[in-house]
Amino acid sequence: MKPDKQHYVRSSFTEGAAKLAVSILQTAKEPDKVLKHGRYFGITAETTLQKDCFERFLNSPKVQDVLNNRPPQNWPDLEEMAAMPRGSLGW
């Protein structure tokens, strides 16, 4: 007599797979909202789709606003850092 075979479903995989499937379908349906729908899947860097998504992401108005209003990336030189108060960036 064979024991009854029980099928166990890994709930973490199932939930992740469902989110991935929904993300793919929503992105296919509304490609202009790839930033909203594509958050659950990572695409390898060598694909055309990833490059297109990245280009679309960089050209979106929200990202352009952040990039245009970011603080300058100039770091103080060593003399300026040494002149800073103790406990700050220079110390």
PDB file of N, CA and C in Angstrom:
ATOM      1  N   MET A   1       0.843  -1.177   0.000  1.00  0.00           N
ATOM      2  CA  MET A   1       0.000   0.000   0.000  1.00  0.00           C
ATOM      3  C   MET A   1       0.891   1.244   0.000  1.00  0.00           C
ATOM      4  N   LYS A   2       0.655   2.132  -0.948  1.00  0.00           N
ATOM      5  CA  LYS A   2       1.432   3.367  -1.044  1.00  0.00           C
ATOM      6  C   LYS A   2       0.841   4.416  -0.114  1.00  0.00           C
ATOM      7  N   PRO A   3       1.729   5.150   0.566  1.00  0.00           N
ATOM      8  CA  PRO A   3       1.191   6.245   1.379  1.00  0.00           C
ATOM      9  C   PRO A   3       0.669   7.353   0.466  1.00  0.00           C
ATOM     10  N   ASP A   4      -0.342   8.041   0.945  1.00  0.00           N
ATOM     11  CA  ASP A   4      -0.875   9.160   0.165  1.00  0.00           C
ATOM     12  C   ASP A   4       0.209  10.220  -0.001  1.00  0.00           C
ATOM     13  N   LYS A   5       0.370  10.651  -1.217  1.00  0.00           N
ATOM     14  CA  LYS A   5       1.379  11.657  -1.507  1.00  0.00           C
ATOM     15  C   LYS A   5       0.788  13.031  -1.218  1.00  0.00           C
ATOM     16  N   GLN A   6       1.483  13.796  -0.409  1.00  0.00           N
ATOM     17  CA  GLN A   6       1.019  15.146  -0.104  1.00  0.00           C
ATOM     18  C   GLN A   6       1.866  16.139  -0.889  1.00  0.00           C
ATOM     19  N   HIS A   7       1.205  17.090  -1.461  1.00  0.00           N
ATOM     20  CA  HIS A   7       1.900  18.125  -2.230  1.00  0.00           C
ATOM     21  C   HIS A   7       1.964  19.382  -1.378  1.00  0.00           C
ATOM     22  N   TYR A   8       3.165  19.798  -1.119  1.00  0.00           N
ATOM     23  CA  TYR A   8       3.351  21.008  -0.325  1.00  0.00           C
ATOM     24  C   TYR A   8       3.699  22.156  -1.256  1.00  0.00           C
ATOM     25  N   VAL A   9       3.078  23.263  -1.023  1.00  0.00           N
ATOM     26  CA  VAL A   9       3.334  24.456  -1.819  1.00  0.00           C
ATOM     27  C   VAL A   9       4.108  25.425  -0.950  1.00  0.00           C
ATOM     28  N   ARG A  10       5.223  25.888  -1.476  1.00  0.00           N
ATOM     29  CA  ARG A  10       5.984  26.894  -0.748  1.00  0.00           C
ATOM     30  C   ARG A  10       5.279  28.228  -0.928  1.00  0.00           C
ATOM     31  N   SER A  11       4.685  28.722   0.125  1.00  0.00           N
ATOM     32  CA  SER A  11       3.880  29.932   0.002  1.00  0.00           C
ATOM     33  C   SER A  11       4.721  31.131  -0.415  1.00  0.00           C
ATOM     34  N   SER A  12       5.982  31.194   0.013  1.00  0.00           N
ATOM     35  CA  SER A  12       6.805  32.335  -0.374  1.00  0.00           C
ATOM     36  C   SER A  12       7.053  32.327  -1.886  1.00  0.00           C
ATOM     37  N   PHE A  13       7.264  31.146  -2.452  1.00  0.00           N
ATOM     38  CA  PHE A  13       7.449  31.056  -3.899  1.00  0.00           C
ATOM     39  C   PHE A  13       6.155  31.418  -4.618  1.00  0.00           C
ATOM     40  N   THR A  14       5.052  30.890  -4.144  1.00  0.00           N
ATOM     41  CA  THR A  14       3.778  31.134  -4.791  1.00  0.00           C
ATOM     42  C   THR A  14       3.435  32.622  -4.789  1.00  0.00           C
ATOM     43  N   GLU A  15       3.644  33.286  -3.664  1.00  0.00           N
ATOM     44  CA  GLU A  15       3.340  34.715  -3.582  1.00  0.00           C
ATOM     45  C   GLU A  15       4.253  35.498  -4.520  1.00  0.00           C
ATOM     46  N   GLY A  16       5.555  35.159  -4.530  1.00  0.00           N
ATOM     47  CA  GLY A  16       6.492  35.845  -5.419  1.00  0.00           C
ATOM     48  C   GLY A  16       6.170  35.594  -6.876  1.00  0.00           C
ATOM     49  N   ALA A  17       5.806  34.363  -7.201  1.00  0.00           N
ATOM     50  CA  ALA A  17       5.471  34.034  -8.585  1.00  0.00           C
ATOM     51  C   ALA A  17       4.208  34.771  -9.022  1.00  0.00           C
ATOM     52  N   ALA A  18       3.245  34.880  -8.142  1.00  0.00           N
ATOM     53  CA  ALA A  18       2.010  35.594  -8.476  1.00  0.00           C
ATOM     54  C   ALA A  18       2.287  37.077  -8.717  1.00  0.00           C
ATOM     55  N   LYS A  19       3.112  37.673  -7.861  1.00  0.00           N
ATOM     56  CA  LYS A  19       3.453  39.089  -8.042  1.00  0.00           C
ATOM     57  C   LYS A  19       4.211  39.295  -9.350  1.00  0.00           C
ATOM     58  N   LEU A  20       5.116  38.380  -9.653  1.00  0.00           N
ATOM     59  CA  LEU A  20       5.870  38.468 -10.899  1.00  0.00           C
ATOM     60  C   LEU A  20       4.935  38.376 -12.102  1.00  0.00           C
ATOM     61  N   ALA A  21       4.027  37.426 -12.061  1.00  0.00           N
ATOM     62  CA  ALA A  21       3.089  37.252 -13.175  1.00  0.00           C
ATOM     63  C   ALA A  21       2.219  38.488 -13.364  1.00  0.00           C
ATOM     64  N   VAL A  22       1.710  39.034 -12.273  1.00  0.00           N
ATOM     65  CA  VAL A  22       0.870  40.232 -12.366  1.00  0.00           C
ATOM     66  C   VAL A  22       1.683  41.404 -12.900  1.00  0.00           C
ATOM     67  N   SER A  23       2.926  41.541 -12.440  1.00  0.00           N
ATOM     68  CA  SER A  23       3.776  42.632 -12.914  1.00  0.00           C
ATOM     69  C   SER A  23       4.020  42.540 -14.415  1.00  0.00           C
ATOM     70  N   ILE A  24       4.295  41.340 -14.880  1.00  0.00           N
ATOM     71  CA  ILE A  24       4.549  41.152 -16.307  1.00  0.00           C
ATOM     72  C   ILE A  24       3.297  41.471 -17.121  1.00  0.00           C
ATOM     73  N   LEU A  25       2.149  40.979 -16.674  1.00  0.00           N
ATOM     74  CA  LEU A  25       0.904  41.227 -17.407  1.00  0.00           C
ATOM     75  C   LEU A  25       0.521  42.707 -17.393  1.00  0.00           C
ATOM     76  N   GLN A  26       0.668  43.347 -16.245  1.00  0.00           N
ATOM     77  CA  GLN A  26       0.323  44.765 -16.157  1.00  0.00           C
ATOM     78  C   GLN A  26       1.272  45.612 -17.002  1.00  0.00           C
ATOM     79  N   THR A  27       2.550  45.249 -17.016  1.00  0.00           N
ATOM     80  CA  THR A  27       3.514  45.993 -17.825  1.00  0.00           C
ATOM     81  C   THR A  27       3.219  45.811 -19.311  1.00  0.00           C
ATOM     82  N   ALA A  28       2.828  44.606 -19.710  1.00  0.00           N
ATOM     83  CA  ALA A  28       2.466  44.373 -21.111  1.00  0.00           C
ATOM     84  C   ALA A  28       1.222  45.164 -21.484  1.00  0.00           C
ATOM     85  N   LYS A  29       0.283  45.272 -20.556  1.00  0.00           N
ATOM     86  CA  LYS A  29      -0.967  45.991 -20.816  1.00  0.00           C
ATOM     87  C   LYS A  29      -0.749  47.499 -20.848  1.00  0.00           C
ATOM     88  N   GLU A  30       0.077  48.006 -19.913  1.00  0.00           N
ATOM     89  CA  GLU A  30       0.323  49.441 -19.795  1.00  0.00           C
ATOM     90  C   GLU A  30       1.835  49.703 -19.747  1.00  0.00           C
ATOM     91  N   PRO A  31       2.521  49.607 -20.881  1.00  0.00           N
ATOM     92  CA  PRO A  31       3.977  49.746 -20.874  1.00  0.00           C
ATOM     93  C   PRO A  31       4.464  51.114 -20.399  1.00  0.00           C
ATOM     94  N   ASP A  32       3.628  52.135 -20.526  1.00  0.00           N
ATOM     95  CA  ASP A  32       4.047  53.453 -20.057  1.00  0.00           C
ATOM     96  C   ASP A  32       4.091  53.534 -18.530  1.00  0.00           C
ATOM     97  N   LYS A  33       3.551  52.538 -17.845  1.00  0.00           N
ATOM     98  CA  LYS A  33       3.575  52.509 -16.379  1.00  0.00           C
ATOM     99  C   LYS A  33       4.520  51.419 -15.875  1.00  0.00           C
ATOM    100  N   VAL A  34       5.615  51.200 -16.625  1.00  0.00           N
ATOM    101  CA  VAL A  34       6.559  50.143 -16.264  1.00  0.00           C
ATOM    102  C   VAL A  34       7.171  50.373 -14.883  1.00  0.00           C
ATOM    103  N   LEU A  35       7.326  51.627 -14.473  1.00  0.00           N
ATOM    104  CA  LEU A  35       7.904  51.902 -13.155  1.00  0.00           C
ATOM    105  C   LEU A  35       6.976  51.439 -12.047  1.00  0.00           C
ATOM    106  N   LYS A  36       5.692  51.544 -12.275  1.00  0.00           N
ATOM    107  CA  LYS A  36       4.710  51.131 -11.270  1.00  0.00           C
ATOM    108  C   LYS A  36       4.570  49.612 -11.232  1.00  0.00           C
ATOM    109  N   HIS A  37       4.450  48.994 -12.387  1.00  0.00           N
ATOM    110  CA  HIS A  37       4.155  47.563 -12.450  1.00  0.00           C
ATOM    111  C   HIS A  37       5.395  46.676 -12.410  1.00  0.00           C
ATOM    112  N   GLY A  38       6.529  47.195 -12.805  1.00  0.00           N
ATOM    113  CA  GLY A  38       7.711  46.364 -12.927  1.00  0.00           C
ATOM    114  C   GLY A  38       8.551  46.245 -11.674  1.00  0.00           C
ATOM    115  N   ARG A  39       8.034  46.656 -10.549  1.00  0.00           N
ATOM    116  CA  ARG A  39       8.859  46.658  -9.334  1.00  0.00           C
ATOM    117  C   ARG A  39       9.119  45.267  -8.768  1.00  0.00           C
ATOM    118  N   TYR A  40       8.367  44.278  -9.204  1.00  0.00           N
ATOM    119  CA  TYR A  40       8.533  42.938  -8.643  1.00  0.00           C
ATOM    120  C   TYR A  40       9.442  42.031  -9.455  1.00  0.00           C
ATOM    121  N   PHE A  41       9.977  42.531 -10.553  1.00  0.00           N
ATOM    122  CA  PHE A  41      10.866  41.653 -11.303  1.00  0.00           C
ATOM    123  C   PHE A  41      12.132  42.384 -11.706  1.00  0.00           C
ATOM    124  N   GLY A  42      13.199  41.642 -11.680  1.00  0.00           N
ATOM    125  CA  GLY A  42      14.480  42.165 -12.119  1.00  0.00           C
ATOM    126  C   GLY A  42      14.811  41.545 -13.466  1.00  0.00           C
ATOM    127  N   ILE A  43      15.309  42.343 -14.344  1.00  0.00           N
ATOM    128  CA  ILE A  43      15.637  41.879 -15.683  1.00  0.00           C
ATOM    129  C   ILE A  43      17.150  41.978 -15.836  1.00  0.00           C
ATOM    130  N   THR A  44      17.750  40.977 -16.403  1.00  0.00           N
ATOM    131  CA  THR A  44      19.202  41.013 -16.545  1.00  0.00           C
ATOM    132  C   THR A  44      19.637  42.171 -17.422  1.00  0.00           C
ATOM    133  N   ALA A  45      20.826  42.652 -17.167  1.00  0.00           N
ATOM    134  CA  ALA A  45      21.311  43.872 -17.807  1.00  0.00           C
ATOM    135  C   ALA A  45      21.591  43.730 -19.296  1.00  0.00           C
ATOM    136  N   GLU A  46      21.679  42.513 -19.810  1.00  0.00           N
ATOM    137  CA  GLU A  46      22.014  42.350 -21.218  1.00  0.00           C
ATOM    138  C   GLU A  46      20.806  42.392 -22.152  1.00  0.00           C
ATOM    139  N   THR A  47      19.610  42.477 -21.623  1.00  0.00           N
ATOM    140  CA  THR A  47      18.446  42.405 -22.500  1.00  0.00           C
ATOM    141  C   THR A  47      18.051  43.777 -23.026  1.00  0.00           C
ATOM    142  N   THR A  48      17.462  43.769 -24.190  1.00  0.00           N
ATOM    143  CA  THR A  48      16.952  45.006 -24.777  1.00  0.00           C
ATOM    144  C   THR A  48      15.827  45.569 -23.924  1.00  0.00           C
ATOM    145  N   LEU A  49      15.005  44.677 -23.359  1.00  0.00           N
ATOM    146  CA  LEU A  49      13.900  45.115 -22.522  1.00  0.00           C
ATOM    147  C   LEU A  49      14.411  45.893 -21.306  1.00  0.00           C
ATOM    148  N   GLN A  50      15.471  45.414 -20.670  1.00  0.00           N
ATOM    149  CA  GLN A  50      16.020  46.114 -19.508  1.00  0.00           C
ATOM    150  C   GLN A  50      16.540  47.477 -19.921  1.00  0.00           C
ATOM    151  N   LYS A  51      17.226  47.547 -21.039  1.00  0.00           N
ATOM    152  CA  LYS A  51      17.760  48.832 -21.515  1.00  0.00           C
ATOM    153  C   LYS A  51      16.634  49.800 -21.831  1.00  0.00           C
ATOM    154  N   ASP A  52      15.574  49.297 -22.458  1.00  0.00           N
ATOM    155  CA  ASP A  52      14.418  50.148 -22.758  1.00  0.00           C
ATOM    156  C   ASP A  52      13.746  50.637 -21.480  1.00  0.00           C
ATOM    157  N   CYS A  53      13.606  49.743 -20.501  1.00  0.00           N
ATOM    158  CA  CYS A  53      12.996  50.124 -19.225  1.00  0.00           C
ATOM    159  C   CYS A  53      13.844  51.176 -18.508  1.00  0.00           C
ATOM    160  N   PHE A  54      15.158  50.975 -18.522  1.00  0.00           N
ATOM    161  CA  PHE A  54      16.049  51.926 -17.864  1.00  0.00           C
ATOM    162  C   PHE A  54      15.991  53.287 -18.553  1.00  0.00           C
ATOM    163  N   GLU A  55      15.970  53.278 -19.875  1.00  0.00           N
ATOM    164  CA  GLU A  55      15.870  54.525 -20.637  1.00  0.00           C
ATOM    165  C   GLU A  55      14.549  55.240 -20.323  1.00  0.00           C
ATOM    166  N   ARG A  56      13.472  54.476 -20.290  1.00  0.00           N
ATOM    167  CA  ARG A  56      12.161  55.047 -19.977  1.00  0.00           C
ATOM    168  C   ARG A  56      12.143  55.598 -18.554  1.00  0.00           C
ATOM    169  N   PHE A  57      12.771  54.866 -17.646  1.00  0.00           N
ATOM    170  CA  PHE A  57      12.870  55.298 -16.254  1.00  0.00           C
ATOM    171  C   PHE A  57      13.630  56.620 -16.157  1.00  0.00           C
ATOM    172  N   LEU A  58      14.772  56.718 -16.810  1.00  0.00           N
ATOM    173  CA  LEU A  58      15.567  57.945 -16.750  1.00  0.00           C
ATOM    174  C   LEU A  58      14.861  59.128 -17.406  1.00  0.00           C
ATOM    175  N   ASN A  59      14.029  58.859 -18.384  1.00  0.00           N
ATOM    176  CA  ASN A  59      13.334  59.937 -19.085  1.00  0.00           C
ATOM    177  C   ASN A  59      12.002  60.319 -18.457  1.00  0.00           C
ATOM    178  N   SER A  60      11.601  59.621 -17.399  1.00  0.00           N
ATOM    179  CA  SER A  60      10.316  59.956 -16.776  1.00  0.00           C
ATOM    180  C   SER A  60      10.425  61.308 -16.057  1.00  0.00           C
ATOM    181  N   PRO A  61       9.355  62.089 -16.033  1.00  0.00           N
ATOM    182  CA  PRO A  61       9.399  63.419 -15.422  1.00  0.00           C
ATOM    183  C   PRO A  61       9.802  63.400 -13.947  1.00  0.00           C
ATOM    184  N   LYS A  62       9.344  62.421 -13.190  1.00  0.00           N
ATOM    185  CA  LYS A  62       9.684  62.367 -11.767  1.00  0.00           C
ATOM    186  C   LYS A  62      11.182  62.160 -11.561  1.00  0.00           C
ATOM    187  N   VAL A  63      11.762  61.261 -12.343  1.00  0.00           N
ATOM    188  CA  VAL A  63      13.201  61.004 -12.209  1.00  0.00           C
ATOM    189  C   VAL A  63      13.987  62.210 -12.704  1.00  0.00           C
ATOM    190  N   GLN A  64      13.566  62.811 -13.785  1.00  0.00           N
ATOM    191  CA  GLN A  64      14.249  64.004 -14.281  1.00  0.00           C
ATOM    192  C   GLN A  64      14.225  65.123 -13.250  1.00  0.00           C
ATOM    193  N   ASP A  65      13.089  65.257 -12.551  1.00  0.00           N
ATOM    194  CA  ASP A  65      12.990  66.272 -11.501  1.00  0.00           C
ATOM    195  C   ASP A  65      13.986  65.998 -10.378  1.00  0.00           C
ATOM    196  N   VAL A  66      14.091  64.749  -9.965  1.00  0.00           N
ATOM    197  CA  VAL A  66      15.050  64.386  -8.909  1.00  0.00           C
ATOM    198  C   VAL A  66      16.480  64.633  -9.381  1.00  0.00           C
ATOM    199  N   LEU A  67      16.786  64.223 -10.604  1.00  0.00           N
ATOM    200  CA  LEU A  67      18.143  64.408 -11.124  1.00  0.00           C
ATOM    201  C   LEU A  67      18.504  65.882 -11.273  1.00  0.00           C
ATOM    202  N   ASN A  68      17.545  66.684 -11.699  1.00  0.00           N
ATOM    203  CA  ASN A  68      17.819  68.111 -11.891  1.00  0.00           C
ATOM    204  C   ASN A  68      17.941  68.868 -10.579  1.00  0.00           C
ATOM    205  N   ASN A  69      17.329  68.363  -9.521  1.00  0.00           N
ATOM    206  CA  ASN A  69      17.335  69.067  -8.238  1.00  0.00           C
ATOM    207  C   ASN A  69      18.199  68.395  -7.184  1.00  0.00           C
ATOM    208  N   ARG A  70      19.072  67.495  -7.592  1.00  0.00           N
ATOM    209  CA  ARG A  70      19.937  66.825  -6.612  1.00  0.00           C
ATOM    210  C   ARG A  70      21.035  67.782  -6.154  1.00  0.00           C
ATOM    211  N   PRO A  71      21.512  67.579  -4.941  1.00  0.00           N
ATOM    212  CA  PRO A  71      22.575  68.450  -4.444  1.00  0.00           C
ATOM    213  C   PRO A  71      23.877  68.200  -5.210  1.00  0.00           C
ATOM    214  N   PRO A  72      24.761  69.183  -5.224  1.00  0.00           N
ATOM    215  CA  PRO A  72      26.026  68.986  -5.935  1.00  0.00           C
ATOM    216  C   PRO A  72      26.834  67.860  -5.300  1.00  0.00           C
ATOM    217  N   GLN A  73      27.632  67.221  -6.106  1.00  0.00           N
ATOM    218  CA  GLN A  73      28.415  66.095  -5.624  1.00  0.00           C
ATOM    219  C   GLN A  73      29.862  66.475  -5.353  1.00  0.00           C
ATOM    220  N   ASN A  74      30.106  67.733  -5.110  1.00  0.00           N
ATOM    221  CA  ASN A  74      31.459  68.180  -4.806  1.00  0.00           C
ATOM    222  C   ASN A  74      31.773  67.903  -3.347  1.00  0.00           C
ATOM    223  N   TRP A  75      32.824  67.139  -3.108  1.00  0.00           N
ATOM    224  CA  TRP A  75      33.254  66.853  -1.747  1.00  0.00           C
ATOM    225  C   TRP A  75      34.314  67.856  -1.348  1.00  0.00           C
ATOM    226  N   PRO A  76      34.369  68.193  -0.073  1.00  0.00           N
ATOM    227  CA  PRO A  76      35.424  69.127   0.356  1.00  0.00           C
ATOM    228  C   PRO A  76      36.802  68.473   0.207  1.00  0.00           C
ATOM    229  N   ASP A  77      37.805  69.316  -0.039  1.00  0.00           N
ATOM    230  CA  ASP A  77      39.157  68.756  -0.120  1.00  0.00           C
ATOM    231  C   ASP A  77      39.680  68.503   1.294  1.00  0.00           C
ATOM    232  N   LEU A  78      40.857  67.946   1.406  1.00  0.00           N
ATOM    233  CA  LEU A  78      41.398  67.550   2.712  1.00  0.00           C
ATOM    234  C   LEU A  78      41.553  68.721   3.670  1.00  0.00           C
ATOM    235  N   GLU A  79      41.981  69.886   3.163  1.00  0.00           N
ATOM    236  CA  GLU A  79      42.135  71.050   4.040  1.00  0.00           C
ATOM    237  C   GLU A  79      40.785  71.508   4.600  1.00  0.00           C
ATOM    238  N   GLU A  80      39.762  71.518   3.749  1.00  0.00           N
ATOM    239  CA  GLU A  80      38.426  71.907   4.213  1.00  0.00           C
ATOM    240  C   GLU A  80      37.892  70.900   5.232  1.00  0.00           C
ATOM    241  N   MET A  81      38.146  69.633   5.008  1.00  0.00           N
ATOM    242  CA  MET A  81      37.686  68.617   5.951  1.00  0.00           C
ATOM    243  C   MET A  81      38.403  68.745   7.285  1.00  0.00           C
ATOM    244  N   ALA A  82      39.696  69.054   7.244  1.00  0.00           N
ATOM    245  CA  ALA A  82      40.465  69.208   8.477  1.00  0.00           C
ATOM    246  C   ALA A  82      39.988  70.422   9.276  1.00  0.00           C
ATOM    247  N   ALA A  83      39.435  71.430   8.595  1.00  0.00           N
ATOM    248  CA  ALA A  83      38.964  72.632   9.279  1.00  0.00           C
ATOM    249  C   ALA A  83      37.570  72.459   9.881  1.00  0.00           C
ATOM    250  N   MET A  84      36.917  71.351   9.608  1.00  0.00           N
ATOM    251  CA  MET A  84      35.566  71.125  10.136  1.00  0.00           C
ATOM    252  C   MET A  84      35.627  70.789  11.617  1.00  0.00           C
ATOM    253  N   PRO A  85      34.541  71.068  12.360  1.00  0.00           N
ATOM    254  CA  PRO A  85      34.526  70.801  13.786  1.00  0.00           C
ATOM    255  C   PRO A  85      34.631  69.301  14.085  1.00  0.00           C
ATOM    256  N   ARG A  86      35.164  69.004  15.257  1.00  0.00           N
ATOM    257  CA  ARG A  86      35.299  67.612  15.694  1.00  0.00           C
ATOM    258  C   ARG A  86      33.915  66.953  15.729  1.00  0.00           C
ATOM    259  N   GLY A  87      33.838  65.711  15.298  1.00  0.00           N
ATOM    260  CA  GLY A  87      32.570  64.985  15.262  1.00  0.00           C
ATOM    261  C   GLY A  87      31.804  65.171  13.973  1.00  0.00           C
ATOM    262  N   SER A  88      32.346  65.965  13.052  1.00  0.00           N
ATOM    263  CA  SER A  88      31.663  66.167  11.785  1.00  0.00           C
ATOM    264  C   SER A  88      32.306  65.305  10.705  1.00  0.00           C
ATOM    265  N   LEU A  89      32.009  65.611   9.465  1.00  0.00           N
ATOM    266  CA  LEU A  89      32.496  64.838   8.345  1.00  0.00           C
ATOM    267  C   LEU A  89      34.034  64.748   8.309  1.00  0.00           C
ATOM    268  N   GLY A  90      34.685  65.803   8.724  1.00  0.00           N
ATOM    269  CA  GLY A  90      36.147  65.833   8.636  1.00  0.00           C
ATOM    270  C   GLY A  90      36.856  65.045   9.708  1.00  0.00           C
ATOM    271  N   TRP A  91      36.144  64.644  10.750  1.00  0.00           N
ATOM    272  CA  TRP A  91      36.820  63.946  11.859  1.00  0.00           C
ATOM    273  C   TRP A  91      36.351  62.543  11.967  1.00  0.00           C
TER     274      TRP A  91
END
